[in-house]
C-alpha atoms as a PDB file:
ATOM      1  CA  MET A   1     -19.669  -4.817 -29.613  1.00  0.00           C
ATOM      2  CA  ARG A   2     -17.796  -1.472 -29.620  1.00  0.00           C
ATOM      3  CA  LYS A   3     -15.305  -2.607 -32.286  1.00  0.00           C
ATOM      4  CA  THR A   4     -17.524  -4.470 -34.396  1.00  0.00           C
ATOM      5  CA  GLY A   5     -20.762  -2.369 -34.213  1.00  0.00           C
ATOM      6  CA  THR A   6     -22.845  -5.389 -34.009  1.00  0.00           C
ATOM      7  CA  CYS A   7     -24.701  -6.849 -31.123  1.00  0.00           C
ATOM      8  CA  SER A   8     -22.777  -9.946 -29.815  1.00  0.00           C
ATOM      9  CA  LYS A   9     -26.025 -11.656 -28.724  1.00  0.00           C
ATOM     10  CA  CYS A  10     -28.642 -10.969 -31.483  1.00  0.00           C
ATOM     11  CA  GLY A  11     -26.518  -9.454 -34.275  1.00  0.00           C
ATOM     12  CA  GLY A  12     -28.259  -6.090 -34.591  1.00  0.00           C
ATOM     13  CA  GLY A  13     -26.578  -3.307 -35.740  1.00  0.00           C
ATOM     14  CA  LYS A  14     -28.356  -0.229 -33.712  1.00  0.00           C
ATOM     15  CA  LEU A  15     -26.386   0.234 -30.589  1.00  0.00           C
ATOM     16  CA  PHE A  16     -26.538   3.025 -27.878  1.00  0.00           C
ATOM     17  CA  GLN A  17     -23.013   4.087 -26.899  1.00  0.00           C
ATOM     18  CA  ILE A  18     -22.872   5.464 -23.322  1.00  0.00           C
ATOM     19  CA  SER A  19     -19.647   7.296 -22.845  1.00  0.00           C
ATOM     20  CA  ARG A  20     -20.043   7.537 -19.128  1.00  0.00           C
ATOM     21  CA  VAL A  21     -22.408   5.372 -17.016  1.00  0.00           C
ATOM     22  CA  GLU A  22     -24.055   7.320 -14.219  1.00  0.00           C
ATOM     23  CA  GLN A  23     -26.439   6.601 -11.325  1.00  0.00           C
ATOM     24  CA  THR A  24     -28.596   8.752  -9.417  1.00  0.00           C
ATOM     25  CA  TYR A  25     -26.896   9.799  -6.016  1.00  0.00           C
ATOM     26  CA  CYS A  26     -29.297   9.841  -2.799  1.00  0.00           C
ATOM     27  CA  ASP A  27     -28.973  13.282  -1.969  1.00  0.00           C
ATOM     28  CA  ALA A  28     -31.649  16.367  -1.834  1.00  0.00           C
ATOM     29  CA  GLY A  29     -30.817  17.293  -5.506  1.00  0.00           C
ATOM     30  CA  GLY A  30     -30.939  13.933  -6.785  1.00  0.00           C
ATOM     31  CA  SER A  31     -27.653  14.442  -8.583  1.00  0.00           C
ATOM     32  CA  LEU A  32     -26.055  12.003 -10.963  1.00  0.00           C
ATOM     33  CA  ARG A  33     -22.728  10.426 -10.041  1.00  0.00           C
ATOM     34  CA  SER A  34     -20.470   8.280 -12.472  1.00  0.00           C
ATOM     35  CA  PHE A  35     -20.553   4.644 -11.717  1.00  0.00           C
ATOM     36  CA  ASP A  36     -16.844   3.878 -11.307  1.00  0.00           C
ATOM     37  CA  VAL A  37     -15.010   0.854 -11.917  1.00  0.00           C
ATOM     38  CA  THR A  38     -13.498   0.656  -8.212  1.00  0.00           C
ATOM     39  CA  GLY A  39     -11.697   2.627  -5.570  1.00  0.00           C
ATOM     40  CA  ALA A  40      -8.938   1.716  -3.394  1.00  0.00           C
ATOM     41  CA  MET A  41      -6.626   2.999  -0.895  1.00  0.00           C
ATOM     42  CA  VAL A  42      -3.122   3.177  -2.505  1.00  0.00           C
ATOM     43  CA  SER A  43       0.249   4.190  -0.733  1.00  0.00           C
ATOM     44  CA  THR A  44       1.410   7.633  -1.886  1.00  0.00           C
ATOM     45  CA  GLY A  45       5.095   6.594  -1.206  1.00  0.00           C
ATOM     46  CA  LYS A  46       5.383   8.922   1.664  1.00  0.00           C
ATOM     47  CA  LYS A  47       5.990   8.097   5.298  1.00  0.00           C
ATOM     48  CA  GLY A  48       3.659   9.454   8.109  1.00  0.00           C
ATOM     49  CA  ILE A  49       3.237   9.239  11.736  1.00  0.00           C
ATOM     50  CA  PHE A  50       1.460   5.837  11.404  1.00  0.00           C
ATOM     51  CA  GLY A  51       3.380   4.536   8.581  1.00  0.00           C
ATOM     52  CA  ASP A  52       2.746   4.568   5.138  1.00  0.00           C
ATOM     53  CA  LYS A  53       0.545   7.577   3.803  1.00  0.00           C
ATOM     54  CA  MET A  54      -2.512   6.287   1.759  1.00  0.00           C
ATOM     55  CA  ASP A  55      -4.608   7.990  -0.719  1.00  0.00           C
ATOM     56  CA  LEU A  56      -8.107   7.041  -2.055  1.00  0.00           C
ATOM     57  CA  VAL A  57      -7.845   6.511  -5.762  1.00  0.00           C
ATOM     58  CA  VAL A  58     -10.895   5.735  -7.877  1.00  0.00           C
ATOM     59  CA  ALA A  59     -10.713   4.217 -11.365  1.00  0.00           C
ATOM     60  CA  GLY A  60     -13.653   5.004 -13.308  1.00  0.00           C
ATOM     61  CA  PRO A  61     -15.848   5.607 -15.214  1.00  0.00           C
ATOM     62  CA  TYR A  62     -17.688   2.732 -16.973  1.00  0.00           C
ATOM     63  CA  GLU A  63     -18.266   3.143 -20.644  1.00  0.00           C
ATOM     64  CA  ALA A  64     -21.442   0.946 -22.076  1.00  0.00           C
ATOM     65  CA  MET A  65     -22.619  -0.439 -25.488  1.00  0.00           C
ATOM     66  CA  VAL A  66     -26.573  -1.160 -25.352  1.00  0.00           C
ATOM     67  CA  CYS A  67     -28.074  -2.970 -28.244  1.00  0.00           C
ATOM     68  CA  ALA A  68     -31.442  -1.114 -29.418  1.00  0.00           C
ATOM     69  CA  GLY A  69     -32.739  -4.181 -30.545  1.00  0.00           C
ATOM     70  CA  CYS A  70     -32.675  -6.866 -27.581  1.00  0.00           C
ATOM     71  CA  GLY A  71     -31.130  -4.762 -24.804  1.00  0.00           C
ATOM     72  CA  TYR A  72     -27.982  -6.816 -24.339  1.00  0.00           C
ATOM     73  CA  ALA A  73     -25.364  -4.469 -22.849  1.00  0.00           C
ATOM     74  CA  GLU A  74     -21.561  -4.733 -22.448  1.00  0.00           C
ATOM     75  CA  TRP A  75     -19.593  -2.404 -20.090  1.00  0.00           C
ATOM     76  CA  TYR A  76     -16.031  -1.352 -20.566  1.00  0.00           C
ATOM     77  CA  ALA A  77     -13.561   0.490 -18.288  1.00  0.00           C
ATOM     78  CA  SER A  78     -12.648   3.859 -19.853  1.00  0.00           C
ATOM     79  CA  ALA A  79      -9.084   4.266 -20.928  1.00  0.00           C
ATOM     80  CA  ALA A  80      -8.684   6.699 -17.987  1.00  0.00           C
ATOM     81  CA  ALA A  81      -9.770   3.855 -15.647  1.00  0.00           C
ATOM     82  CA  LEU A  82      -7.299   1.529 -17.011  1.00  0.00           C
ATOM     83  CA  ARG A  83      -4.311   3.702 -16.516  1.00  0.00           C
ATOM     84  CA  THR A  84      -5.655   4.159 -12.799  1.00  0.00           C
ATOM     85  CA  LEU A  85      -6.156   0.496 -12.549  1.00  0.00           C
ATOM     86  CA  ALA A  86      -2.546   0.071 -13.524  1.00  0.00           C
ATOM     87  CA  ARG A  87      -1.376   2.476 -10.781  1.00  0.00           C
ATOM     88  CA  MET A  88      -3.742   0.679  -8.038  1.00  0.00           C
ATOM     89  CA  ALA A  89      -2.036  -2.767  -8.972  1.00  0.00           C
ATOM     90  CA  GLU A  90       1.485  -1.212  -8.040  1.00  0.00           C
ATOM     91  CA  GLY A  91       0.234  -0.015  -4.542  1.00  0.00           C
ATOM     92  CA  SER A  92      -2.791  -1.786  -3.380  1.00  0.00           C
ATOM     93  CA  THR A  93      -3.871  -5.119  -2.331  1.00  0.00           C
ATOM     94  CA  GLN A  94      -7.268  -4.806  -3.794  1.00  0.00           C
ATOM     95  CA  VAL A  95      -6.480  -4.528  -7.246  1.00  0.00           C
ATOM     96  CA  ARG A  96      -3.892  -7.192  -9.053  1.00  0.00           C
ATOM     97  CA  LEU A  97      -2.727  -7.550 -12.686  1.00  0.00           C
ATOM     98  CA  LEU A  98      -2.928 -11.132 -13.783  1.00  0.00           C
ATOM     99  CA  ASP A  99      -0.941 -11.181 -16.908  1.00  0.00           C
ATOM    100  CA  ARG A 100      -1.304 -14.657 -18.865  1.00  0.00           C
ATOM    101  CA  ASP A 101       0.843 -13.041 -21.795  1.00  0.00           C
ATOM    102  CA  ALA A 102       3.769 -12.824 -19.517  1.00  0.00           C
ATOM    103  CA  ALA A 103       3.739 -16.144 -18.150  1.00  0.00           C
ATOM    104  CA  LYS A 104       3.931 -17.234 -21.745  1.00  0.00           C
ATOM    105  CA  ARG A 105       7.130 -15.413 -22.388  1.00  0.00           C
END
């Protein structure tokens, strides 16, 4: 939808573009927090007393396109999230990169 500007379900041409999907966070102020793709513990490459030092890395946020006609929605990882996911795939067991194109080479 984001490339064509057309709803992939109903063919409609009116779309809402949401650059950062957020949700309410349960605190006293009812603040908003981004709805991130994922988080993972990733090795920093440094050694500590208990072995490899780890750091929490968050890949996010999501972007979304929503059809104004039928309500169909597609979610996309932001460009920043894609870069972070690549880092996570190198130093985490939670995120793996499956590269079908590399297998064809």
